[in-house]
């Protein structure tokens, strides 16, 4: 699945190819590497909901 990742600090956006079984932590690591920041600077939200790093994208309700 393709997901959009938004950097809320500067408005930057990237698209990532992820799998439904990937965790929110995997998305955070991807974003941290892309923007060359420490992973502790990132959280994952879907709408207003904060997603735990251990939750899979499927569990979080993330879809294409």
N, C-alpha and C. Protein backbone atom coordinates (compact mmCIF):
# COMPACT_ATOMS: atom_id res chain seq x y z
N UNK A 1 0.84 -1.17 0.00
CA UNK A 1 0.00 0.00 0.00
C UNK A 1 0.88 1.23 0.00
N UNK A 2 0.38 2.28 -0.60
CA UNK A 2 1.11 3.56 -0.62
C UNK A 2 0.47 4.46 0.42
N UNK A 3 1.31 5.01 1.29
CA UNK A 3 0.80 5.93 2.30
C UNK A 3 1.53 7.26 2.19
N UNK A 4 0.83 8.31 2.57
CA UNK A 4 1.42 9.64 2.58
C UNK A 4 1.88 9.93 4.00
N UNK A 5 3.12 10.39 4.12
CA UNK A 5 3.69 10.76 5.41
C UNK A 5 3.92 12.26 5.38
N UNK A 6 3.40 12.95 6.38
CA UNK A 6 3.49 14.41 6.43
C UNK A 6 4.37 14.82 7.61
N UNK A 7 5.31 15.70 7.34
CA UNK A 7 6.14 16.31 8.37
C UNK A 7 5.40 17.58 8.81
N UNK A 8 4.78 17.54 9.98
CA UNK A 8 3.96 18.67 10.41
C UNK A 8 4.79 19.89 10.80
N UNK A 9 6.09 19.73 10.98
CA UNK A 9 6.93 20.88 11.32
C UNK A 9 7.15 21.80 10.14
N UNK A 10 7.36 21.20 8.96
CA UNK A 10 7.65 22.05 7.79
C UNK A 10 6.68 21.83 6.63
N UNK A 11 5.71 20.94 6.80
CA UNK A 11 4.73 20.70 5.75
C UNK A 11 5.20 19.77 4.65
N UNK A 12 6.41 19.23 4.79
CA UNK A 12 6.93 18.31 3.78
C UNK A 12 6.12 17.03 3.73
N UNK A 13 6.04 16.43 2.56
CA UNK A 13 5.30 15.19 2.37
C UNK A 13 6.14 14.21 1.56
N UNK A 14 6.00 12.93 1.91
CA UNK A 14 6.59 11.85 1.11
C UNK A 14 5.55 10.75 0.98
N UNK A 15 5.71 9.93 -0.03
CA UNK A 15 4.86 8.76 -0.20
C UNK A 15 5.74 7.54 0.01
N UNK A 16 5.24 6.59 0.80
CA UNK A 16 6.01 5.39 1.10
C UNK A 16 5.21 4.15 0.72
N UNK A 17 5.90 3.16 0.22
CA UNK A 17 5.29 1.86 -0.08
C UNK A 17 5.46 0.99 1.16
N UNK A 18 4.36 0.69 1.82
CA UNK A 18 4.38 -0.09 3.06
C UNK A 18 3.42 -1.27 2.91
N UNK A 19 3.52 -2.22 3.83
CA UNK A 19 2.63 -3.38 3.86
C UNK A 19 1.66 -3.24 5.03
N UNK A 20 0.45 -3.82 4.93
CA UNK A 20 -0.51 -3.73 6.04
C UNK A 20 0.04 -4.27 7.36
N UNK A 21 0.98 -5.22 7.29
CA UNK A 21 1.56 -5.80 8.50
C UNK A 21 2.71 -4.99 9.08
N UNK A 22 3.15 -3.94 8.39
CA UNK A 22 4.21 -3.08 8.92
C UNK A 22 3.66 -2.31 10.11
N UNK A 23 4.53 -2.02 11.05
CA UNK A 23 4.10 -1.32 12.26
C UNK A 23 4.23 0.19 12.11
N UNK A 24 3.57 0.89 13.00
CA UNK A 24 3.72 2.34 13.05
C UNK A 24 5.18 2.68 13.31
N UNK A 25 5.86 1.86 14.09
CA UNK A 25 7.28 2.06 14.33
C UNK A 25 8.10 1.99 13.05
N UNK A 26 7.71 1.10 12.14
CA UNK A 26 8.39 1.00 10.84
C UNK A 26 8.23 2.30 10.05
N UNK A 27 7.03 2.87 10.10
CA UNK A 27 6.77 4.12 9.40
C UNK A 27 7.61 5.24 10.01
N UNK A 28 7.69 5.26 11.33
CA UNK A 28 8.47 6.29 12.02
C UNK A 28 9.95 6.19 11.64
N UNK A 29 10.48 4.98 11.61
CA UNK A 29 11.88 4.79 11.22
C UNK A 29 12.10 5.27 9.78
N UNK A 30 11.18 4.93 8.88
CA UNK A 30 11.27 5.36 7.48
C UNK A 30 11.32 6.89 7.40
N UNK A 31 10.40 7.55 8.11
CA UNK A 31 10.34 9.02 8.08
C UNK A 31 11.60 9.63 8.69
N UNK A 32 12.06 9.08 9.79
CA UNK A 32 13.26 9.61 10.45
C UNK A 32 14.48 9.51 9.54
N UNK A 33 14.60 8.39 8.84
CA UNK A 33 15.72 8.23 7.92
C UNK A 33 15.60 9.20 6.75
N UNK A 34 14.41 9.36 6.22
CA UNK A 34 14.21 10.25 5.07
C UNK A 34 14.57 11.69 5.42
N UNK A 35 14.05 12.16 6.58
CA UNK A 35 14.29 13.55 6.96
C UNK A 35 15.57 13.73 7.80
N UNK A 36 16.31 12.64 7.99
CA UNK A 36 17.59 12.68 8.72
C UNK A 36 17.43 13.30 10.10
N UNK A 37 16.43 12.79 10.82
CA UNK A 37 16.15 13.22 12.20
C UNK A 37 16.14 12.00 13.10
N UNK A 38 16.30 12.23 14.39
CA UNK A 38 16.19 11.15 15.36
C UNK A 38 14.75 10.65 15.39
N UNK A 39 14.57 9.35 15.48
CA UNK A 39 13.22 8.79 15.45
C UNK A 39 12.36 9.26 16.61
N UNK A 40 12.98 9.70 17.70
CA UNK A 40 12.21 10.18 18.85
C UNK A 40 11.46 11.48 18.54
N UNK A 41 11.79 12.12 17.42
CA UNK A 41 11.12 13.36 17.02
C UNK A 41 9.78 13.09 16.32
N UNK A 42 9.45 11.81 16.07
CA UNK A 42 8.28 11.47 15.28
C UNK A 42 7.24 10.69 16.07
N UNK A 43 5.98 10.91 15.74
CA UNK A 43 4.87 10.10 16.21
C UNK A 43 4.04 9.75 14.98
N UNK A 44 3.12 8.80 15.14
CA UNK A 44 2.23 8.49 14.03
C UNK A 44 0.80 8.76 14.47
N UNK A 45 0.11 9.51 13.62
CA UNK A 45 -1.30 9.80 13.84
C UNK A 45 -2.09 9.40 12.60
N UNK A 46 -3.30 8.98 12.83
CA UNK A 46 -4.28 8.80 11.76
C UNK A 46 -5.44 9.69 12.15
N UNK A 47 -5.58 10.79 11.43
CA UNK A 47 -6.55 11.80 11.86
C UNK A 47 -6.08 12.38 13.18
N UNK A 48 -6.94 12.35 14.17
CA UNK A 48 -6.58 12.86 15.50
C UNK A 48 -6.09 11.76 16.44
N UNK A 49 -6.10 10.51 15.98
CA UNK A 49 -5.71 9.39 16.84
C UNK A 49 -4.20 9.16 16.81
N UNK A 50 -3.62 9.04 17.99
CA UNK A 50 -2.21 8.69 18.13
C UNK A 50 -2.11 7.17 18.03
N UNK A 51 -1.24 6.69 17.17
CA UNK A 51 -1.09 5.25 16.94
C UNK A 51 0.15 4.75 17.68
N UNK A 52 0.00 3.70 18.52
CA UNK A 52 1.17 3.14 19.20
C UNK A 52 2.15 2.54 18.19
N UNK A 53 3.42 2.64 18.48
CA UNK A 53 4.44 2.13 17.55
C UNK A 53 4.29 0.65 17.28
N UNK A 54 3.72 -0.10 18.21
CA UNK A 54 3.58 -1.54 18.04
C UNK A 54 2.40 -1.93 17.16
N UNK A 55 1.48 -1.02 16.89
CA UNK A 55 0.30 -1.32 16.09
C UNK A 55 0.67 -1.44 14.62
N UNK A 56 0.06 -2.42 13.95
CA UNK A 56 0.28 -2.54 12.51
C UNK A 56 -0.58 -1.50 11.80
N UNK A 57 -0.23 -1.23 10.55
CA UNK A 57 -1.02 -0.29 9.77
C UNK A 57 -2.45 -0.78 9.62
N UNK A 58 -2.61 -2.08 9.46
CA UNK A 58 -3.95 -2.66 9.36
C UNK A 58 -4.74 -2.42 10.64
N UNK A 59 -4.12 -2.67 11.79
CA UNK A 59 -4.79 -2.45 13.08
C UNK A 59 -5.15 -0.99 13.28
N UNK A 60 -4.34 -0.10 12.73
CA UNK A 60 -4.58 1.34 12.88
C UNK A 60 -5.63 1.85 11.91
N UNK A 61 -6.08 1.00 11.00
CA UNK A 61 -7.10 1.41 10.03
C UNK A 61 -6.55 2.17 8.85
N UNK A 62 -5.25 2.04 8.60
CA UNK A 62 -4.63 2.72 7.46
C UNK A 62 -4.94 1.93 6.19
N UNK A 63 -5.42 2.62 5.17
CA UNK A 63 -5.71 2.00 3.88
C UNK A 63 -5.07 2.83 2.78
N UNK A 64 -5.04 2.27 1.58
CA UNK A 64 -4.52 3.00 0.42
C UNK A 64 -5.28 4.27 0.20
